[in-house]
Amino acid sequence: MAAPVISRAAEQSPSATQKLTIGKALNLGLRTAMENDPKVIVMGEDVGKLGGVFRITDGLQKDFGEHRVLDTPLAESGIIGTAVGLAIRGYRPVCEIQFDGFIFPGFDQIVSQVAKVHFRSEGRLRMPMVIRVPFGGGIGAVEHHSESPESYFAHTAGLRVVSCSNAVDAYWMLQQAIQCEDPVLFFEPKRYYHSGALRAEVDTAVTPAPLFSSQVLRTGNSATLVAYGPSVKVCLDAAAAAEEDGTSLEVIDLRTLSPLDLGPVFESVRKTGRLIAVSEAPANSSLTSEIAMRVQQECFYSLEAPVLRVTGFDTPYPPTKLEEHFLPDLDRVLHAVDRALAW
C-alpha cells in the first residue's frame, strides 16, 4: 500500500488556533479538504441540506454546491458502490454512514470491491476514498445505532482503519485520511461529537502527527491502559482517579487499528509490566484480543501480570436501560487495574 500524503497547505497558511468540539473539528477538516482539492466529494444520507443527523456536514452543501455534497438514497450499498466508481475516475469521495450498524448493507461493497480493487488491478487502480462511521454507544439508542463494528474491517486486508478520540486528531486525521491513496474507514466517537468537556485548541498551522501512529497521552509507571475512540476518555478519567490513590497509569491512544502501531505499547509495557486494553466492542475475536496476543509475544519477560481486557459483552447491544452496564466505565477499568496490580 502507498504511504499517505500529508498536505502542507494548512502549514503554509497563517496560524489559526480555534477551540473546537470533535464535531466542529470534523466539519472544519472536511471544509479544508474540499477547499484544497476540488476532487473531494462528500456523499451520504442527509449530509446536504440537513447537514447530517449529527450536523457534521453542516453548511458544506450551501458553500460547495449540490455537485460536491450529495444527498443520497437510503442505500449504503449504493453509496459505497458509487464511491468506488468515483475513486477509480480520480475523485476522492468521503462517504458518511449515518450510524455504525447501517454499514452492513454496504459490507459486500467494502470487503469485495473497496478493499480489493488495487490488488485486483495489480496496482494500476487506486481507491482513495474515506468511509466515515459514527460508532459506539452512550447516546441512549438501540442496536444498529450504538455498535462497534471496527474489528470486521481491521481484519480485512486492503483496508486502512483509524479512529480519532479528540478534536485535534479529528481535524488532522480526517484530512490525512482523505489524502491517503488507500481506502480508509474513519471511526468517530459519536457520543462525544458535541461534548464541551472535550473541546480543545486546534492549531491549523502545525505539522500533524503521522496518521498511522499511536500516541502516549499520559505517562505513568504502574500499569498501561491502551484504548481508541470513545474508550480513550474513559481511560484518561480512570488515570486521573487512580492518581489520587497514588497509582500512576500510562494511557495510550491507539488511533490506528489497521495497521496497528504497537511500538509505543510495547515500550510502555516493558516499563510498567502490566497492560489493560479497553474497548466498547465485544471481547471475542476483537482488536483487544490481537493487542493482548502481540504484547504477550513481544513483552513476555516484562509482564508482571496477564494482559487484562475491559470490553463490551459478547451479546447484541442492549436496550437503553442496560446501556450503562454494557459499556466499559471508570469503575470497570479501575477494577481491572486493581486486579493487575494485585497479581
Protein backbone atom coordinates (compact mmCIF):
# COMPACT_ATOMS: atom_id res chain seq x y z
CA MET A 1 0.00 0.00 0.00
CA ALA A 2 1.14 3.52 -0.68
CA ALA A 3 2.07 5.73 2.24
CA PRO A 4 -0.36 8.56 2.99
CA VAL A 5 0.48 12.01 1.67
CA ILE A 6 0.11 14.82 4.20
CA SER A 7 -0.92 18.18 2.79
CA ARG A 8 1.22 21.19 3.64
CA ALA A 9 -1.49 23.69 2.72
CA ALA A 10 -2.51 24.28 6.32
CA GLU A 11 1.11 24.72 7.37
CA GLN A 12 1.60 27.47 4.83
CA SER A 13 -1.41 29.47 5.97
CA PRO A 14 -1.32 31.96 8.86
CA SER A 15 -1.56 30.38 12.29
CA ALA A 16 -5.14 29.99 13.43
CA THR A 17 -5.96 28.37 16.76
CA GLN A 18 -9.58 27.58 17.46
CA LYS A 19 -11.22 25.85 20.41
CA LEU A 20 -13.44 23.17 18.86
CA THR A 21 -15.56 20.18 19.74
CA ILE A 22 -14.87 16.93 17.89
CA GLY A 23 -17.89 17.58 15.67
CA LYS A 24 -16.78 21.09 14.75
CA ALA A 25 -13.23 19.85 14.13
CA LEU A 26 -14.51 17.20 11.71
CA ASN A 27 -16.60 19.80 9.92
CA LEU A 28 -13.61 22.12 9.61
CA GLY A 29 -11.41 19.26 8.45
CA LEU A 30 -13.87 18.37 5.70
CA ARG A 31 -14.19 22.01 4.68
CA THR A 32 -10.41 22.42 4.50
CA ALA A 33 -10.01 19.25 2.44
CA MET A 34 -12.70 20.40 -0.01
CA GLU A 35 -11.11 23.83 -0.35
CA ASN A 36 -7.69 22.30 -1.02
CA ASP A 37 -8.84 19.69 -3.55
CA PRO A 38 -11.82 20.08 -5.92
CA LYS A 39 -11.86 16.29 -6.36
CA VAL A 40 -13.07 15.76 -2.78
CA ILE A 41 -16.77 14.87 -2.78
CA VAL A 42 -18.96 14.32 0.31
CA MET A 43 -21.86 11.91 -0.04
CA GLY A 44 -24.35 10.17 2.23
CA GLU A 45 -27.83 10.17 3.69
CA ASP A 46 -28.97 13.67 4.71
CA VAL A 47 -25.45 15.11 4.55
CA GLY A 48 -26.53 18.04 2.35
CA LYS A 49 -29.50 20.18 3.25
CA LEU A 50 -29.78 18.74 6.77
CA GLY A 51 -26.04 18.72 7.41
CA GLY A 52 -26.11 15.12 8.63
CA VAL A 53 -28.01 13.71 11.59
CA PHE A 54 -25.12 14.80 13.83
CA ARG A 55 -24.59 18.05 11.85
CA ILE A 56 -21.01 17.12 10.95
CA THR A 57 -21.50 18.27 7.35
CA ASP A 58 -23.49 21.36 8.31
CA GLY A 59 -23.09 24.21 5.82
CA LEU A 60 -20.97 22.29 3.32
CA GLN A 61 -23.63 21.91 0.63
CA LYS A 62 -24.51 25.59 0.91
CA ASP A 63 -20.88 26.58 0.35
CA PHE A 64 -19.73 23.93 -2.13
CA GLY A 65 -22.91 23.09 -4.00
CA GLU A 66 -25.02 20.01 -4.61
CA HIS A 67 -22.50 18.62 -7.09
CA ARG A 68 -19.90 18.19 -4.32
CA VAL A 69 -22.11 17.44 -1.29
CA LEU A 70 -24.58 14.81 -2.42
CA ASP A 71 -27.72 13.70 -0.57
CA THR A 72 -28.05 10.01 -1.44
CA PRO A 73 -30.89 7.48 -1.21
CA LEU A 74 -31.10 5.31 1.92
CA ALA A 75 -28.90 2.63 0.38
CA GLU A 76 -25.44 2.04 1.81
CA SER A 77 -24.54 -0.45 -0.93
CA GLY A 78 -25.39 2.23 -3.49
CA ILE A 79 -23.39 4.90 -1.66
CA ILE A 80 -20.25 2.75 -1.45
CA GLY A 81 -20.67 1.32 -4.96
CA THR A 82 -20.99 4.79 -6.46
CA ALA A 83 -17.94 5.96 -4.50
CA VAL A 84 -15.90 3.06 -5.93
CA GLY A 85 -16.57 4.31 -9.44
CA LEU A 86 -15.79 7.90 -8.48
CA ALA A 87 -12.49 6.89 -6.85
CA ILE A 88 -11.45 4.91 -9.94
CA ARG A 89 -12.11 8.03 -12.03
CA GLY A 90 -9.80 10.14 -9.86
CA TYR A 91 -12.18 11.65 -7.32
CA ARG A 92 -11.75 11.39 -3.54
CA PRO A 93 -15.21 10.52 -2.19
CA VAL A 94 -15.95 10.83 1.52
CA CYS A 95 -18.94 8.64 2.37
CA GLU A 96 -20.88 9.09 5.59
CA ILE A 97 -22.53 6.03 7.11
CA GLN A 98 -25.30 7.56 9.18
CA PHE A 99 -24.97 5.10 12.09
CA ASP A 100 -22.46 2.33 12.73
CA GLY A 101 -24.94 -0.52 12.36
CA PHE A 102 -26.10 0.81 8.99
CA ILE A 103 -22.75 -0.12 7.45
CA PHE A 104 -23.68 -3.76 6.97
CA PRO A 105 -25.82 -3.31 3.82
CA GLY A 106 -22.61 -1.92 2.27
CA PHE A 107 -20.40 -4.68 3.69
CA ASP A 108 -20.18 -6.57 0.39
CA GLN A 109 -19.00 -3.49 -1.50
CA ILE A 110 -16.44 -2.63 1.19
CA VAL A 111 -14.81 -6.06 1.53
CA SER A 112 -15.29 -7.29 -2.05
CA GLN A 113 -14.60 -4.10 -4.03
CA VAL A 114 -13.15 -1.26 -1.94
CA ALA A 115 -10.56 -3.46 -0.26
CA LYS A 116 -9.57 -5.39 -3.38
CA VAL A 117 -9.58 -3.11 -6.44
CA HIS A 118 -5.95 -2.02 -6.00
CA PHE A 119 -4.72 -5.60 -5.67
CA ARG A 120 -7.07 -6.99 -8.32
CA SER A 121 -5.75 -4.45 -10.82
CA GLU A 122 -2.13 -5.26 -9.90
CA GLY A 123 -1.63 -1.69 -8.69
CA ARG A 124 -3.00 0.04 -11.78
CA LEU A 125 -6.07 1.40 -9.98
CA ARG A 126 -6.10 3.27 -6.66
CA MET A 127 -9.01 3.54 -4.25
CA PRO A 128 -8.61 6.92 -2.45
CA MET A 129 -11.87 7.02 -0.52
CA VAL A 130 -12.89 7.57 3.09
CA ILE A 131 -15.85 5.94 4.80
CA ARG A 132 -16.84 7.91 7.91
CA VAL A 133 -18.52 5.81 10.60
CA PRO A 134 -20.02 7.33 13.78
CA PHE A 135 -19.59 4.42 16.21
CA GLY A 136 -20.04 3.31 19.80
CA GLY A 137 -22.73 3.65 22.43
CA GLY A 138 -23.61 6.17 25.06
CA ILE A 139 -26.39 8.02 23.21
CA GLY A 140 -29.37 6.08 24.53
CA ALA A 141 -30.07 4.25 21.28
CA VAL A 142 -30.66 0.59 20.48
CA GLU A 143 -28.82 -1.82 18.19
CA HIS A 144 -27.79 -0.59 14.72
CA HIS A 145 -27.22 2.85 16.33
CA SER A 146 -24.68 2.01 19.04
CA GLU A 147 -22.40 -0.68 17.69
CA SER A 148 -18.64 -1.13 17.38
CA PRO A 149 -18.00 -2.99 14.10
CA GLU A 150 -14.38 -1.93 13.66
CA SER A 151 -12.88 -5.43 14.11
CA TYR A 152 -14.61 -6.68 10.94
CA PHE A 153 -12.77 -4.12 8.87
CA ALA A 154 -9.43 -4.22 10.70
CA HIS A 155 -9.44 -7.93 9.79
CA THR A 156 -9.94 -7.15 6.09
CA ALA A 157 -6.73 -6.92 4.07
CA GLY A 158 -6.65 -3.89 1.79
CA LEU A 159 -8.40 -1.50 4.18
CA ARG A 160 -6.91 1.11 6.48
CA VAL A 161 -8.84 1.66 9.71
CA VAL A 162 -8.39 4.60 12.08
CA SER A 163 -10.29 6.20 14.96
CA CYS A 164 -9.99 9.67 16.49
CA SER A 165 -10.67 10.42 20.15
CA ASN A 166 -10.22 14.19 20.37
CA ALA A 167 -10.75 17.38 18.37
CA VAL A 168 -7.13 17.83 17.31
CA ASP A 169 -6.97 14.35 15.82
CA ALA A 170 -10.44 14.71 14.33
CA TYR A 171 -9.32 17.76 12.35
CA TRP A 172 -5.98 16.41 11.14
CA MET A 173 -6.65 12.70 10.80
CA LEU A 174 -9.69 13.24 8.57
CA GLN A 175 -7.67 15.36 6.16
CA GLN A 176 -4.83 12.85 6.16
CA ALA A 177 -7.28 10.01 5.50
CA ILE A 178 -8.76 11.91 2.55
CA GLN A 179 -5.28 12.41 1.10
CA CYS A 180 -4.32 8.76 1.56
CA GLU A 181 -4.20 6.75 -1.69
CA ASP A 182 -5.76 3.73 0.04
CA PRO A 183 -9.33 3.29 1.31
CA VAL A 184 -9.72 4.40 4.93
CA LEU A 185 -12.53 3.59 7.34
CA PHE A 186 -12.69 6.52 9.74
CA PHE A 187 -14.43 5.66 13.03
CA GLU A 188 -15.70 8.64 15.05
CA PRO A 189 -16.85 8.58 18.72
CA LYS A 190 -20.34 9.96 18.19
CA ARG A 191 -21.24 10.33 21.86
CA TYR A 192 -18.53 12.97 22.14
CA TYR A 193 -19.24 14.89 18.92
CA HIS A 194 -20.60 17.91 20.76
CA SER A 195 -19.14 17.37 24.23
CA GLY A 196 -17.94 20.61 25.76
CA ALA A 197 -15.69 18.61 28.07
CA LEU A 198 -13.61 17.51 25.06
CA ARG A 199 -13.44 20.93 23.43
CA ALA A 200 -9.78 21.57 22.59
CA GLU A 201 -7.48 24.10 20.96
CA VAL A 202 -6.87 23.11 17.33
CA ASP A 203 -3.93 24.84 15.69
CA THR A 204 -4.47 24.58 11.94
CA ALA A 205 -0.92 25.69 11.16
CA VAL A 206 1.13 22.96 12.88
CA THR A 207 2.52 19.76 11.39
CA PRO A 208 0.20 16.91 12.44
CA ALA A 209 1.31 13.56 13.83
CA PRO A 210 1.51 10.75 11.24
CA LEU A 211 -1.89 9.20 10.52
CA PHE A 212 -0.98 5.60 11.20
CA SER A 213 0.61 6.05 14.61
CA SER A 214 -0.42 5.61 18.23
CA GLN A 215 0.31 8.24 20.88
CA VAL A 216 1.05 8.30 24.59
CA LEU A 217 -1.43 10.78 26.08
CA ARG A 218 -0.42 10.41 29.72
CA THR A 219 2.76 8.93 31.18
CA GLY A 220 2.85 6.59 34.16
CA ASN A 221 4.73 3.64 35.61
CA SER A 222 2.23 1.41 37.48
CA ALA A 223 0.27 0.00 34.53
CA THR A 224 -0.55 0.77 30.89
CA LEU A 225 -4.03 1.50 29.54
CA VAL A 226 -4.50 1.24 25.78
CA ALA A 227 -7.72 2.29 24.06
CA TYR A 228 -9.15 4.02 20.99
CA GLY A 229 -12.15 6.15 20.09
CA PRO A 230 -14.66 6.74 22.90
CA SER A 231 -12.78 4.49 25.35
CA VAL A 232 -9.81 6.88 25.47
CA LYS A 233 -11.70 9.39 27.62
CA VAL A 234 -12.72 6.58 29.99
CA CYS A 235 -9.05 5.64 30.40
CA LEU A 236 -7.93 9.22 30.95
CA ASP A 237 -10.63 9.65 33.61
CA ALA A 238 -9.53 6.40 35.25
CA ALA A 239 -5.90 7.53 35.26
CA ALA A 240 -6.86 10.82 36.91
CA ALA A 241 -8.88 8.99 39.57
CA ALA A 242 -6.10 6.45 40.18
CA GLU A 243 -3.56 9.21 40.69
CA GLU A 244 -5.45 10.32 43.78
CA ASP A 245 -4.66 6.90 45.30
CA GLY A 246 -1.02 7.04 44.28
CA THR A 247 -1.33 4.80 41.23
CA SER A 248 0.41 6.08 38.09
CA LEU A 249 -1.26 4.91 34.86
CA GLU A 250 0.11 5.41 31.37
CA VAL A 251 -2.59 6.00 28.72
CA ILE A 252 -2.03 5.25 25.04
CA ASP A 253 -4.46 6.26 22.29
CA LEU A 254 -4.15 3.59 19.61
CA ARG A 255 -5.54 5.90 16.84
CA THR A 256 -4.74 3.40 14.07
CA LEU A 257 -6.45 0.00 14.12
CA SER A 258 -5.11 -1.28 10.80
CA PRO A 259 -2.20 -1.12 10.52
CA LEU A 260 -1.60 -1.39 14.26
CA ASP A 261 1.21 0.72 15.68
CA LEU A 262 2.10 -1.16 18.85
CA GLY A 263 5.66 0.10 19.26
CA PRO A 264 4.68 2.65 21.94
CA VAL A 265 2.57 -0.02 23.65
CA PHE A 266 5.49 -2.47 23.80
CA GLU A 267 7.79 0.25 25.15
CA SER A 268 5.24 1.19 27.80
CA VAL A 269 4.57 -2.40 28.91
CA ARG A 270 8.30 -3.06 29.25
CA LYS A 271 8.29 -0.15 31.70
CA THR A 272 5.07 -0.81 33.65
CA GLY A 273 4.85 -4.61 33.39
CA ARG A 274 1.06 -4.51 33.12
CA LEU A 275 -1.47 -3.83 30.35
CA ILE A 276 -5.22 -3.29 30.31
CA ALA A 277 -6.82 -2.99 26.85
CA VAL A 278 -10.15 -1.14 26.76
CA SER A 279 -12.79 -1.11 24.02
CA GLU A 280 -16.59 -0.97 23.68
CA ALA A 281 -16.54 -3.83 21.17
CA PRO A 282 -17.29 -7.38 22.37
CA ALA A 283 -14.20 -9.23 23.58
CA ASN A 284 -14.36 -12.28 21.33
CA SER A 285 -12.10 -12.08 18.23
CA SER A 286 -11.60 -8.35 18.74
CA LEU A 287 -8.80 -5.81 18.47
CA THR A 288 -8.19 -6.21 22.20
CA SER A 289 -7.56 -9.92 21.52
CA GLU A 290 -4.91 -9.06 18.93
CA ILE A 291 -3.28 -6.48 21.21
CA ALA A 292 -3.13 -8.98 24.09
CA MET A 293 -1.52 -11.63 21.89
CA ARG A 294 1.03 -9.27 20.37
CA VAL A 295 2.04 -7.85 23.76
CA GLN A 296 2.38 -11.35 25.23
CA GLN A 297 4.53 -12.31 22.25
CA GLU A 298 6.79 -9.25 22.35
CA CYS A 299 6.89 -8.44 26.07
CA PHE A 300 6.58 -11.83 27.77
CA TYR A 301 9.54 -11.41 30.09
CA SER A 302 8.47 -7.89 31.09
CA LEU A 303 4.93 -8.80 32.12
CA GLU A 304 4.19 -8.86 35.85
CA ALA A 305 0.55 -9.89 35.30
CA PRO A 306 -1.61 -11.28 32.48
CA VAL A 307 -2.89 -8.79 29.94
CA LEU A 308 -6.42 -7.85 31.00
CA ARG A 309 -9.29 -6.52 28.89
CA VAL A 310 -12.27 -4.31 29.67
CA THR A 311 -14.79 -4.52 26.84
CA GLY A 312 -18.41 -4.72 25.86
CA PHE A 313 -20.03 -8.09 26.37
CA ASP A 314 -20.43 -10.85 23.77
CA THR A 315 -24.10 -10.05 23.29
CA PRO A 316 -26.08 -7.82 20.92
CA TYR A 317 -26.22 -4.20 22.08
CA PRO A 318 -28.71 -3.95 24.95
CA PRO A 319 -31.80 -1.77 25.49
CA THR A 320 -31.15 1.77 26.70
CA LYS A 321 -31.81 0.99 30.37
CA LEU A 322 -28.96 -1.56 30.37
CA GLU A 323 -26.51 0.53 28.35
CA GLU A 324 -24.51 1.75 31.35
CA HIS A 325 -23.91 -1.85 32.44
CA PHE A 326 -22.70 -2.85 28.97
CA LEU A 327 -20.19 -0.10 28.28
CA PRO A 328 -16.73 -0.02 29.88
CA ASP A 329 -16.67 2.70 32.52
CA LEU A 330 -14.29 4.17 35.07
CA ASP A 331 -15.17 1.58 37.76
CA ARG A 332 -14.61 -1.40 35.45
CA VAL A 333 -11.28 -0.02 34.27
CA LEU A 334 -10.09 0.69 37.82
CA HIS A 335 -11.18 -2.78 38.90
CA ALA A 336 -9.02 -4.27 36.15
CA VAL A 337 -6.11 -2.08 37.27
CA ASP A 338 -6.50 -3.35 40.83
CA ARG A 339 -6.52 -6.96 39.59
CA ALA A 340 -3.37 -6.38 37.56
CA LEU A 341 -1.56 -4.70 40.45
CA ALA A 342 -2.60 -7.43 42.90
CA TRP A 343 -1.32 -10.27 40.73
